[in-house]
PDB file of N, CA and C in Angstrom:
ATOM      1  N   MET A   1     -26.154 -23.052 -71.043  1.00  0.00           N
ATOM      2  CA  MET A   1     -26.228 -22.667 -72.414  1.00  0.00           C
ATOM      3  C   MET A   1     -24.838 -22.397 -72.985  1.00  0.00           C
ATOM      4  N   ALA A   2     -23.938 -21.958 -72.141  1.00  0.00           N
ATOM      5  CA  ALA A   2     -22.571 -21.692 -72.597  1.00  0.00           C
ATOM      6  C   ALA A   2     -21.912 -22.964 -73.119  1.00  0.00           C
ATOM      7  N   SER A   3     -22.217 -24.091 -72.510  1.00  0.00           N
ATOM      8  CA  SER A   3     -21.609 -25.343 -72.978  1.00  0.00           C
ATOM      9  C   SER A   3     -22.168 -25.755 -74.341  1.00  0.00           C
ATOM     10  N   VAL A   4     -23.437 -25.488 -74.584  1.00  0.00           N
ATOM     11  CA  VAL A   4     -24.028 -25.766 -75.902  1.00  0.00           C
ATOM     12  C   VAL A   4     -23.395 -24.853 -76.946  1.00  0.00           C
ATOM     13  N   ALA A   5     -23.235 -23.586 -76.608  1.00  0.00           N
ATOM     14  CA  ALA A   5     -22.591 -22.640 -77.524  1.00  0.00           C
ATOM     15  C   ALA A   5     -21.157 -23.068 -77.818  1.00  0.00           C
ATOM     16  N   ALA A   6     -20.425 -23.496 -76.799  1.00  0.00           N
ATOM     17  CA  ALA A   6     -19.040 -23.940 -77.005  1.00  0.00           C
ATOM     18  C   ALA A   6     -18.992 -25.151 -77.932  1.00  0.00           C
ATOM     19  N   LEU A   7     -19.930 -26.063 -77.770  1.00  0.00           N
ATOM     20  CA  LEU A   7     -19.990 -27.235 -78.642  1.00  0.00           C
ATOM     21  C   LEU A   7     -20.243 -26.813 -80.087  1.00  0.00           C
ATOM     22  N   LEU A   8     -21.166 -25.881 -80.290  1.00  0.00           N
ATOM     23  CA  LEU A   8     -21.458 -25.410 -81.639  1.00  0.00           C
ATOM     24  C   LEU A   8     -20.276 -24.646 -82.233  1.00  0.00           C
ATOM     25  N   GLN A   9     -19.601 -23.847 -81.430  1.00  0.00           N
ATOM     26  CA  GLN A   9     -18.441 -23.103 -81.917  1.00  0.00           C
ATOM     27  C   GLN A   9     -17.302 -24.038 -82.305  1.00  0.00           C
ATOM     28  N   ALA A  10     -17.131 -25.117 -81.584  1.00  0.00           N
ATOM     29  CA  ALA A  10     -16.056 -26.070 -81.868  1.00  0.00           C
ATOM     30  C   ALA A  10     -16.388 -27.002 -83.042  1.00  0.00           C
ATOM     31  N   ASN A  11     -17.657 -27.049 -83.412  1.00  0.00           N
ATOM     32  CA  ASN A  11     -18.104 -27.957 -84.476  1.00  0.00           C
ATOM     33  C   ASN A  11     -18.998 -27.192 -85.456  1.00  0.00           C
ATOM     34  N   PRO A  12     -18.399 -26.435 -86.360  1.00  0.00           N
ATOM     35  CA  PRO A  12     -19.179 -25.565 -87.242  1.00  0.00           C
ATOM     36  C   PRO A  12     -20.151 -26.289 -88.175  1.00  0.00           C
ATOM     37  N   SER A  13     -20.004 -27.574 -88.354  1.00  0.00           N
ATOM     38  CA  SER A  13     -20.936 -28.305 -89.218  1.00  0.00           C
ATOM     39  C   SER A  13     -22.200 -28.740 -88.466  1.00  0.00           C
ATOM     40  N   TYR A  14     -22.197 -28.635 -87.142  1.00  0.00           N
ATOM     41  CA  TYR A  14     -23.365 -29.043 -86.357  1.00  0.00           C
ATOM     42  C   TYR A  14     -24.498 -28.046 -86.540  1.00  0.00           C
ATOM     43  N   ARG A  15     -25.695 -28.589 -86.644  1.00  0.00           N
ATOM     44  CA  ARG A  15     -26.921 -27.803 -86.618  1.00  0.00           C
ATOM     45  C   ARG A  15     -27.682 -28.233 -85.366  1.00  0.00           C
ATOM     46  N   LEU A  16     -28.472 -27.337 -84.826  1.00  0.00           N
ATOM     47  CA  LEU A  16     -29.130 -27.619 -83.555  1.00  0.00           C
ATOM     48  C   LEU A  16     -30.625 -27.353 -83.657  1.00  0.00           C
ATOM     49  N   LYS A  17     -31.406 -28.339 -83.236  1.00  0.00           N
ATOM     50  CA  LYS A  17     -32.845 -28.150 -83.095  1.00  0.00           C
ATOM     51  C   LYS A  17     -33.105 -27.916 -81.608  1.00  0.00           C
ATOM     52  N   VAL A  18     -33.814 -26.829 -81.291  1.00  0.00           N
ATOM     53  CA  VAL A  18     -34.166 -26.501 -79.919  1.00  0.00           C
ATOM     54  C   VAL A  18     -35.665 -26.766 -79.774  1.00  0.00           C
ATOM     55  N   ILE A  19     -35.999 -27.715 -78.905  1.00  0.00           N
ATOM     56  CA  ILE A  19     -37.399 -28.112 -78.714  1.00  0.00           C
ATOM     57  C   ILE A  19     -37.884 -27.556 -77.385  1.00  0.00           C
ATOM     58  N   GLY A  20     -38.970 -26.786 -77.440  1.00  0.00           N
ATOM     59  CA  GLY A  20     -39.542 -26.202 -76.236  1.00  0.00           C
ATOM     60  C   GLY A  20     -40.695 -27.029 -75.707  1.00  0.00           C
ATOM     61  N   TYR A  21     -40.809 -27.062 -74.384  1.00  0.00           N
ATOM     62  CA  TYR A  21     -41.889 -27.769 -73.696  1.00  0.00           C
ATOM     63  C   TYR A  21     -42.538 -26.828 -72.700  1.00  0.00           C
ATOM     64  N   ALA A  22     -43.771 -27.122 -72.323  1.00  0.00           N
ATOM     65  CA  ALA A  22     -44.503 -26.341 -71.332  1.00  0.00           C
ATOM     66  C   ALA A  22     -45.157 -27.284 -70.333  1.00  0.00           C
ATOM     67  N   ASP A  23     -45.660 -26.718 -69.243  1.00  0.00           N
ATOM     68  CA  ASP A  23     -46.430 -27.533 -68.310  1.00  0.00           C
ATOM     69  C   ASP A  23     -47.873 -27.615 -68.818  1.00  0.00           C
ATOM     70  N   SER A  24     -48.746 -28.248 -68.068  1.00  0.00           N
ATOM     71  CA  SER A  24     -50.124 -28.445 -68.525  1.00  0.00           C
ATOM     72  C   SER A  24     -51.078 -27.362 -68.036  1.00  0.00           C
ATOM     73  N   VAL A  25     -50.556 -26.312 -67.419  1.00  0.00           N
ATOM     74  CA  VAL A  25     -51.406 -25.208 -66.981  1.00  0.00           C
ATOM     75  C   VAL A  25     -51.891 -24.465 -68.228  1.00  0.00           C
ATOM     76  N   GLY A  26     -53.168 -24.194 -68.318  1.00  0.00           N
ATOM     77  CA  GLY A  26     -53.714 -23.518 -69.486  1.00  0.00           C
ATOM     78  C   GLY A  26     -54.110 -24.511 -70.566  1.00  0.00           C
ATOM     79  N   ASN A  27     -54.514 -23.973 -71.716  1.00  0.00           N
ATOM     80  CA  ASN A  27     -54.959 -24.873 -72.777  1.00  0.00           C
ATOM     81  C   ASN A  27     -53.793 -25.279 -73.682  1.00  0.00           C
ATOM     82  N   SER A  28     -54.025 -26.319 -74.418  1.00  0.00           N
ATOM     83  CA  SER A  28     -52.976 -26.923 -75.239  1.00  0.00           C
ATOM     84  C   SER A  28     -52.431 -25.959 -76.298  1.00  0.00           C
ATOM     85  N   GLU A  29     -53.304 -25.187 -76.927  1.00  0.00           N
ATOM     86  CA  GLU A  29     -52.855 -24.245 -77.965  1.00  0.00           C
ATOM     87  C   GLU A  29     -51.903 -23.202 -77.379  1.00  0.00           C
ATOM     88  N   ASN A  30     -52.259 -22.640 -76.244  1.00  0.00           N
ATOM     89  CA  ASN A  30     -51.373 -21.658 -75.602  1.00  0.00           C
ATOM     90  C   ASN A  30     -50.073 -22.294 -75.144  1.00  0.00           C
ATOM     91  N   ASN A  31     -50.135 -23.511 -74.646  1.00  0.00           N
ATOM     92  CA  ASN A  31     -48.921 -24.190 -74.198  1.00  0.00           C
ATOM     93  C   ASN A  31     -47.968 -24.444 -75.361  1.00  0.00           C
ATOM     94  N   ASN A  32     -48.509 -24.726 -76.541  1.00  0.00           N
ATOM     95  CA  ASN A  32     -47.653 -24.882 -77.721  1.00  0.00           C
ATOM     96  C   ASN A  32     -46.970 -23.566 -78.070  1.00  0.00           C
ATOM     97  N   LYS A  33     -47.704 -22.458 -77.960  1.00  0.00           N
ATOM     98  CA  LYS A  33     -47.121 -21.144 -78.240  1.00  0.00           C
ATOM     99  C   LYS A  33     -46.043 -20.793 -77.217  1.00  0.00           C
ATOM    100  N   ILE A  34     -46.329 -21.064 -75.948  1.00  0.00           N
ATOM    101  CA  ILE A  34     -45.363 -20.782 -74.884  1.00  0.00           C
ATOM    102  C   ILE A  34     -44.089 -21.585 -75.102  1.00  0.00           C
ATOM    103  N   ALA A  35     -44.242 -22.858 -75.437  1.00  0.00           N
ATOM    104  CA  ALA A  35     -43.082 -23.721 -75.644  1.00  0.00           C
ATOM    105  C   ALA A  35     -42.253 -23.247 -76.839  1.00  0.00           C
ATOM    106  N   LEU A  36     -42.915 -22.790 -77.897  1.00  0.00           N
ATOM    107  CA  LEU A  36     -42.182 -22.283 -79.061  1.00  0.00           C
ATOM    108  C   LEU A  36     -41.448 -20.985 -78.711  1.00  0.00           C
ATOM    109  N   ARG A  37     -42.094 -20.116 -77.940  1.00  0.00           N
ATOM    110  CA  ARG A  37     -41.411 -18.896 -77.492  1.00  0.00           C
ATOM    111  C   ARG A  37     -40.199 -19.234 -76.634  1.00  0.00           C
ATOM    112  N   ARG A  38     -40.324 -20.251 -75.800  1.00  0.00           N
ATOM    113  CA  ARG A  38     -39.201 -20.687 -74.956  1.00  0.00           C
ATOM    114  C   ARG A  38     -38.033 -21.144 -75.829  1.00  0.00           C
ATOM    115  N   ALA A  39     -38.301 -21.947 -76.842  1.00  0.00           N
ATOM    116  CA  ALA A  39     -37.245 -22.425 -77.750  1.00  0.00           C
ATOM    117  C   ALA A  39     -36.622 -21.258 -78.509  1.00  0.00           C
ATOM    118  N   ASN A  40     -37.456 -20.329 -78.985  1.00  0.00           N
ATOM    119  CA  ASN A  40     -36.927 -19.178 -79.722  1.00  0.00           C
ATOM    120  C   ASN A  40     -36.112 -18.248 -78.832  1.00  0.00           C
ATOM    121  N   ALA A  41     -36.453 -18.153 -77.554  1.00  0.00           N
ATOM    122  CA  ALA A  41     -35.662 -17.334 -76.628  1.00  0.00           C
ATOM    123  C   ALA A  41     -34.263 -17.910 -76.459  1.00  0.00           C
ATOM    124  N   VAL A  42     -34.157 -19.227 -76.432  1.00  0.00           N
ATOM    125  CA  VAL A  42     -32.844 -19.866 -76.339  1.00  0.00           C
ATOM    126  C   VAL A  42     -32.050 -19.611 -77.617  1.00  0.00           C
ATOM    127  N   ILE A  43     -32.703 -19.719 -78.753  1.00  0.00           N
ATOM    128  CA  ILE A  43     -32.030 -19.443 -80.022  1.00  0.00           C
ATOM    129  C   ILE A  43     -31.547 -17.995 -80.055  1.00  0.00           C
ATOM    130  N   ASP A  44     -32.387 -17.062 -79.640  1.00  0.00           N
ATOM    131  CA  ASP A  44     -31.979 -15.649 -79.601  1.00  0.00           C
ATOM    132  C   ASP A  44     -30.738 -15.461 -78.732  1.00  0.00           C
ATOM    133  N   ALA A  45     -30.698 -16.130 -77.597  1.00  0.00           N
ATOM    134  CA  ALA A  45     -29.537 -16.014 -76.710  1.00  0.00           C
ATOM    135  C   ALA A  45     -28.289 -16.600 -77.366  1.00  0.00           C
ATOM    136  N   LEU A  46     -28.411 -17.746 -78.020  1.00  0.00           N
ATOM    137  CA  LEU A  46     -27.251 -18.342 -78.693  1.00  0.00           C
ATOM    138  C   LEU A  46     -26.727 -17.431 -79.788  1.00  0.00           C
ATOM    139  N   VAL A  47     -27.629 -16.784 -80.512  1.00  0.00           N
ATOM    140  CA  VAL A  47     -27.234 -15.882 -81.593  1.00  0.00           C
ATOM    141  C   VAL A  47     -26.635 -14.596 -81.035  1.00  0.00           C
ATOM    142  N   ASN A  48     -27.327 -13.978 -80.085  1.00  0.00           N
ATOM    143  CA  ASN A  48     -26.928 -12.650 -79.604  1.00  0.00           C
ATOM    144  C   ASN A  48     -25.814 -12.660 -78.564  1.00  0.00           C
ATOM    145  N   MET A  49     -25.778 -13.673 -77.730  1.00  0.00           N
ATOM    146  CA  MET A  49     -24.757 -13.718 -76.679  1.00  0.00           C
ATOM    147  C   MET A  49     -23.506 -14.484 -77.106  1.00  0.00           C
ATOM    148  N   PHE A  50     -23.678 -15.474 -77.994  1.00  0.00           N
ATOM    149  CA  PHE A  50     -22.563 -16.353 -78.335  1.00  0.00           C
ATOM    150  C   PHE A  50     -22.204 -16.337 -79.815  1.00  0.00           C
ATOM    151  N   SER A  51     -22.860 -15.480 -80.583  1.00  0.00           N
ATOM    152  CA  SER A  51     -22.573 -15.303 -82.017  1.00  0.00           C
ATOM    153  C   SER A  51     -22.684 -16.582 -82.831  1.00  0.00           C
ATOM    154  N   ILE A  52     -23.650 -17.418 -82.491  1.00  0.00           N
ATOM    155  CA  ILE A  52     -23.918 -18.615 -83.292  1.00  0.00           C
ATOM    156  C   ILE A  52     -24.777 -18.177 -84.472  1.00  0.00           C
ATOM    157  N   ASP A  53     -24.445 -18.639 -85.676  1.00  0.00           N
ATOM    158  CA  ASP A  53     -25.193 -18.284 -86.876  1.00  0.00           C
ATOM    159  C   ASP A  53     -26.613 -18.841 -86.781  1.00  0.00           C
ATOM    160  N   ALA A  54     -27.600 -17.970 -86.900  1.00  0.00           N
ATOM    161  CA  ALA A  54     -29.008 -18.356 -86.762  1.00  0.00           C
ATOM    162  C   ALA A  54     -29.432 -19.416 -87.776  1.00  0.00           C
ATOM    163  N   SER A  55     -28.761 -19.481 -88.913  1.00  0.00           N
ATOM    164  CA  SER A  55     -29.131 -20.474 -89.932  1.00  0.00           C
ATOM    165  C   SER A  55     -28.823 -21.904 -89.476  1.00  0.00           C
ATOM    166  N   ARG A  56     -28.040 -22.057 -88.430  1.00  0.00           N
ATOM    167  CA  ARG A  56     -27.712 -23.386 -87.891  1.00  0.00           C
ATOM    168  C   ARG A  56     -28.713 -23.843 -86.841  1.00  0.00           C
ATOM    169  N   LEU A  57     -29.680 -22.998 -86.505  1.00  0.00           N
ATOM    170  CA  LEU A  57     -30.590 -23.259 -85.393  1.00  0.00           C
ATOM    171  C   LEU A  57     -32.036 -23.304 -85.861  1.00  0.00           C
ATOM    172  N   SER A  58     -32.816 -24.212 -85.299  1.00  0.00           N
ATOM    173  CA  SER A  58     -34.247 -24.264 -85.594  1.00  0.00           C
ATOM    174  C   SER A  58     -35.010 -24.516 -84.299  1.00  0.00           C
ATOM    175  N   ALA A  59     -36.246 -24.025 -84.261  1.00  0.00           N
ATOM    176  CA  ALA A  59     -37.084 -24.162 -83.073  1.00  0.00           C
ATOM    177  C   ALA A  59     -38.272 -25.065 -83.375  1.00  0.00           C
ATOM    178  N   GLU A  60     -38.703 -25.780 -82.354  1.00  0.00           N
ATOM    179  CA  GLU A  60     -39.863 -26.663 -82.453  1.00  0.00           C
ATOM    180  C   GLU A  60     -40.582 -26.625 -81.113  1.00  0.00           C
ATOM    181  N   SER A  61     -41.880 -26.851 -81.133  1.00  0.00           N
ATOM    182  CA  SER A  61     -42.666 -26.893 -79.903  1.00  0.00           C
ATOM    183  C   SER A  61     -43.293 -28.261 -79.724  1.00  0.00           C
ATOM    184  N   LYS A  62     -43.177 -28.786 -78.522  1.00  0.00           N
ATOM    185  CA  LYS A  62     -43.895 -30.011 -78.159  1.00  0.00           C
ATOM    186  C   LYS A  62     -44.964 -29.700 -77.107  1.00  0.00           C
ATOM    187  N   GLY A  63     -45.111 -28.405 -76.764  1.00  0.00           N
ATOM    188  CA  GLY A  63     -46.147 -27.992 -75.822  1.00  0.00           C
ATOM    189  C   GLY A  63     -46.081 -28.770 -74.525  1.00  0.00           C
ATOM    190  N   GLU A  64     -47.218 -29.300 -74.125  1.00  0.00           N
ATOM    191  CA  GLU A  64     -47.303 -30.046 -72.870  1.00  0.00           C
ATOM    192  C   GLU A  64     -47.102 -31.547 -73.066  1.00  0.00           C
ATOM    193  N   ASP A  65     -46.770 -31.951 -74.299  1.00  0.00           N
ATOM    194  CA  ASP A  65     -46.507 -33.371 -74.569  1.00  0.00           C
ATOM    195  C   ASP A  65     -45.192 -33.790 -73.915  1.00  0.00           C
ATOM    196  N   ALA A  66     -45.072 -35.024 -73.558  1.00  0.00           N
ATOM    197  CA  ALA A  66     -43.847 -35.613 -73.012  1.00  0.00           C
ATOM    198  C   ALA A  66     -43.370 -34.942 -71.726  1.00  0.00           C
ATOM    199  N   PRO A  67     -44.222 -34.865 -70.706  1.00  0.00           N
ATOM    200  CA  PRO A  67     -43.770 -34.265 -69.445  1.00  0.00           C
ATOM    201  C   PRO A  67     -42.704 -35.119 -68.768  1.00  0.00           C
ATOM    202  N   LEU A  68     -41.799 -34.445 -68.077  1.00  0.00           N
ATOM    203  CA  LEU A  68     -40.790 -35.157 -67.280  1.00  0.00           C
ATOM    204  C   LEU A  68     -41.344 -35.549 -65.922  1.00  0.00           C
ATOM    205  N   ALA A  69     -42.227 -34.720 -65.393  1.00  0.00           N
ATOM    206  CA  ALA A  69     -42.728 -34.927 -64.035  1.00  0.00           C
ATOM    207  C   ALA A  69     -44.250 -35.000 -64.037  1.00  0.00           C
ATOM    208  N   ASN A  70     -44.769 -35.780 -63.114  1.00  0.00           N
ATOM    209  CA  ASN A  70     -46.205 -35.868 -62.893  1.00  0.00           C
ATOM    210  C   ASN A  70     -46.629 -34.630 -62.110  1.00  0.00           C
ATOM    211  N   GLU A  71     -47.381 -33.757 -62.739  1.00  0.00           N
ATOM    212  CA  GLU A  71     -47.733 -32.482 -62.127  1.00  0.00           C
ATOM    213  C   GLU A  71     -48.723 -32.599 -60.981  1.00  0.00           C
ATOM    214  N   SER A  72     -49.342 -33.754 -60.812  1.00  0.00           N
ATOM    215  CA  SER A  72     -50.283 -33.914 -59.703  1.00  0.00           C
ATOM    216  C   SER A  72     -49.582 -34.249 -58.388  1.00  0.00           C
ATOM    217  N   VAL A  73     -48.301 -34.574 -58.451  1.00  0.00           N
ATOM    218  CA  VAL A  73     -47.534 -34.896 -57.243  1.00  0.00           C
ATOM    219  C   VAL A  73     -47.149 -33.591 -56.544  1.00  0.00           C
ATOM    220  N   LYS A  74     -47.407 -33.527 -55.245  1.00  0.00           N
ATOM    221  CA  LYS A  74     -47.041 -32.350 -54.443  1.00  0.00           C
ATOM    222  C   LYS A  74     -45.740 -32.638 -53.703  1.00  0.00           C
ATOM    223  N   VAL A  75     -44.878 -31.648 -53.658  1.00  0.00           N
ATOM    224  CA  VAL A  75     -43.635 -31.763 -52.896  1.00  0.00           C
ATOM    225  C   VAL A  75     -43.574 -30.597 -51.918  1.00  0.00           C
ATOM    226  N   SER A  76     -42.978 -30.831 -50.786  1.00  0.00           N
ATOM    227  CA  SER A  76     -42.834 -29.784 -49.775  1.00  0.00           C
ATOM    228  C   SER A  76     -41.373 -29.633 -49.425  1.00  0.00           C
ATOM    229  N   GLU A  77     -41.004 -28.404 -49.120  1.00  0.00           N
ATOM    230  CA  GLU A  77     -39.654 -28.153 -48.635  1.00  0.00           C
ATOM    231  C   GLU A  77     -39.749 -27.160 -47.490  1.00  0.00           C
ATOM    232  N   THR A  78     -38.814 -27.253 -46.600  1.00  0.00           N
ATOM    233  CA  THR A  78     -38.764 -26.349 -45.462  1.00  0.00           C
ATOM    234  C   THR A  78     -37.590 -25.400 -45.650  1.00  0.00           C
ATOM    235  N   THR A  79     -37.874 -24.116 -45.591  1.00  0.00           N
ATOM    236  CA  THR A  79     -36.817 -23.123 -45.753  1.00  0.00           C
ATOM    237  C   THR A  79     -35.982 -23.045 -44.480  1.00  0.00           C
ATOM    238  N   SER A  80     -34.880 -22.330 -44.549  1.00  0.00           N
ATOM    239  CA  SER A  80     -33.989 -22.223 -43.397  1.00  0.00           C
ATOM    240  C   SER A  80     -34.660 -21.559 -42.197  1.00  0.00           C
ATOM    241  N   ASP A  81     -35.708 -20.769 -42.445  1.00  0.00           N
ATOM    242  CA  ASP A  81     -36.410 -20.132 -41.319  1.00  0.00           C
ATOM    243  C   ASP A  81     -37.622 -20.934 -40.857  1.00  0.00           C
ATOM    244  N   GLY A  82     -37.769 -22.159 -41.365  1.00  0.00           N
ATOM    245  CA  GLY A  82     -38.820 -23.058 -40.902  1.00  0.00           C
ATOM    246  C   GLY A  82     -40.126 -22.979 -41.665  1.00  0.00           C
ATOM    247  N   GLN A  83     -40.205 -22.153 -42.680  1.00  0.00           N
ATOM    248  CA  GLN A  83     -41.420 -22.036 -43.476  1.00  0.00           C
ATOM    249  C   GLN A  83     -41.540 -23.242 -44.408  1.00  0.00           C
ATOM    250  N   VAL A  84     -42.713 -23.852 -44.461  1.00  0.00           N
ATOM    251  CA  VAL A  84     -42.953 -24.998 -45.337  1.00  0.00           C
ATOM    252  C   VAL A  84     -43.592 -24.489 -46.630  1.00  0.00           C
ATOM    253  N   ILE A  85     -42.963 -24.826 -47.744  1.00  0.00           N
ATOM    254  CA  ILE A  85     -43.455 -24.423 -49.060  1.00  0.00           C
ATOM    255  C   ILE A  85     -43.863 -25.693 -49.801  1.00  0.00           C
ATOM    256  N   SER A  86     -45.085 -25.693 -50.310  1.00  0.00           N
ATOM    257  CA  SER A  86     -45.598 -26.848 -51.041  1.00  0.00           C
ATOM    258  C   SER A  86     -45.838 -26.450 -52.491  1.00  0.00           C
ATOM    259  N   ASN A  87     -45.348 -27.244 -53.412  1.00  0.00           N
ATOM    260  CA  ASN A  87     -45.506 -27.000 -54.845  1.00  0.00           C
ATOM    261  C   ASN A  87     -45.772 -28.311 -55.555  1.00  0.00           C
ATOM    262  N   ASN A  88     -46.259 -28.201 -56.787  1.00  0.00           N
ATOM    263  CA  ASN A  88     -46.282 -29.394 -57.616  1.00  0.00           C
ATOM    264  C   ASN A  88     -45.039 -29.362 -58.502  1.00  0.00           C
ATOM    265  N   LEU A  89     -44.883 -30.341 -59.345  1.00  0.00           N
ATOM    266  CA  LEU A  89     -43.658 -30.475 -60.132  1.00  0.00           C
ATOM    267  C   LEU A  89     -43.773 -29.868 -61.533  1.00  0.00           C
ATOM    268  N   SER A  90     -44.742 -28.996 -61.745  1.00  0.00           N
ATOM    269  CA  SER A  90     -44.970 -28.462 -63.097  1.00  0.00           C
ATOM    270  C   SER A  90     -43.768 -27.714 -63.647  1.00  0.00           C
ATOM    271  N   ARG A  91     -42.991 -27.060 -62.782  1.00  0.00           N
ATOM    272  CA  ARG A  91     -41.828 -26.305 -63.275  1.00  0.00           C
ATOM    273  C   ARG A  91     -40.830 -27.197 -64.008  1.00  0.00           C
ATOM    274  N   MET A  92     -40.762 -28.466 -63.622  1.00  0.00           N
ATOM    275  CA  MET A  92     -39.824 -29.378 -64.291  1.00  0.00           C
ATOM    276  C   MET A  92     -40.192 -29.598 -65.758  1.00  0.00           C
ATOM    277  N   ASN A  93     -41.461 -29.392 -66.087  1.00  0.00           N
ATOM    278  CA  ASN A  93     -41.904 -29.621 -67.462  1.00  0.00           C
ATOM    279  C   ASN A  93     -41.701 -28.404 -68.357  1.00  0.00           C
ATOM    280  N   ARG A  94     -41.312 -27.293 -67.778  1.00  0.00           N
ATOM    281  CA  ARG A  94     -40.997 -26.073 -68.546  1.00  0.00           C
ATOM    282  C   ARG A  94     -39.513 -26.115 -68.880  1.00  0.00           C
ATOM    283  N   ARG A  95     -39.213 -26.524 -70.102  1.00  0.00           N
ATOM    284  CA  ARG A  95     -37.802 -26.769 -70.432  1.00  0.00           C
ATOM    285  C   ARG A  95     -37.578 -26.692 -71.925  1.00  0.00           C
ATOM    286  N   VAL A  96     -36.308 -26.763 -72.319  1.00  0.00           N
ATOM    287  CA  VAL A  96     -35.936 -26.956 -73.714  1.00  0.00           C
ATOM    288  C   VAL A  96     -35.041 -28.175 -73.803  1.00  0.00           C
ATOM    289  N   GLU A  97     -35.038 -28.750 -74.968  1.00  0.00           N
ATOM    290  CA  GLU A  97     -34.206 -29.919 -75.253  1.00  0.00           C
ATOM    291  C   GLU A  97     -33.406 -29.582 -76.500  1.00  0.00           C
ATOM    292  N   PHE A  98     -32.184 -30.043 -76.558  1.00  0.00           N
ATOM    293  CA  PHE A  98     -31.307 -29.779 -77.699  1.00  0.00           C
ATOM    294  C   PHE A  98     -31.091 -31.077 -78.469  1.00  0.00           C
ATOM    295  N   VAL A  99     -31.220 -31.005 -79.788  1.00  0.00           N
ATOM    296  CA  VAL A  99     -30.954 -32.155 -80.644  1.00  0.00           C
ATOM    297  C   VAL A  99     -29.950 -31.705 -81.706  1.00  0.00           C
ATOM    298  N   ILE A 100     -28.798 -32.344 -81.738  1.00  0.00           N
ATOM    299  CA  ILE A 100     -27.771 -32.027 -82.741  1.00  0.00           C
ATOM    300  C   ILE A 100     -28.114 -32.754 -84.022  1.00  0.00           C
ATOM    301  N   LYS A 101     -28.094 -32.007 -85.103  1.00  0.00           N
ATOM    302  CA  LYS A 101     -28.403 -32.600 -86.416  1.00  0.00           C
ATOM    303  C   LYS A 101     -27.143 -32.599 -87.273  1.00  0.00           C
TER     304      LYS A 101
END
């Protein structure tokens, strides 16, 4: 996030749209709300931590649309102590995207 803030600080005419995404856990309406909260949390951090003017920032939600990863795929990893942990890829779909306007 610091690199995004630095870009905005160096280019005062840039405006930024922050698009939030969610995984498919839960219903679509809640996922849209979660994704919007995620985008707004990033905006709050840019404003409060990096002093970016809030009027240059906007939030949008795409909810569970446009996933990066297929959540039905299972992946396993082995920890250093030999424990096998199995997860799906849903965490990859919980993200924000930045669009410079």
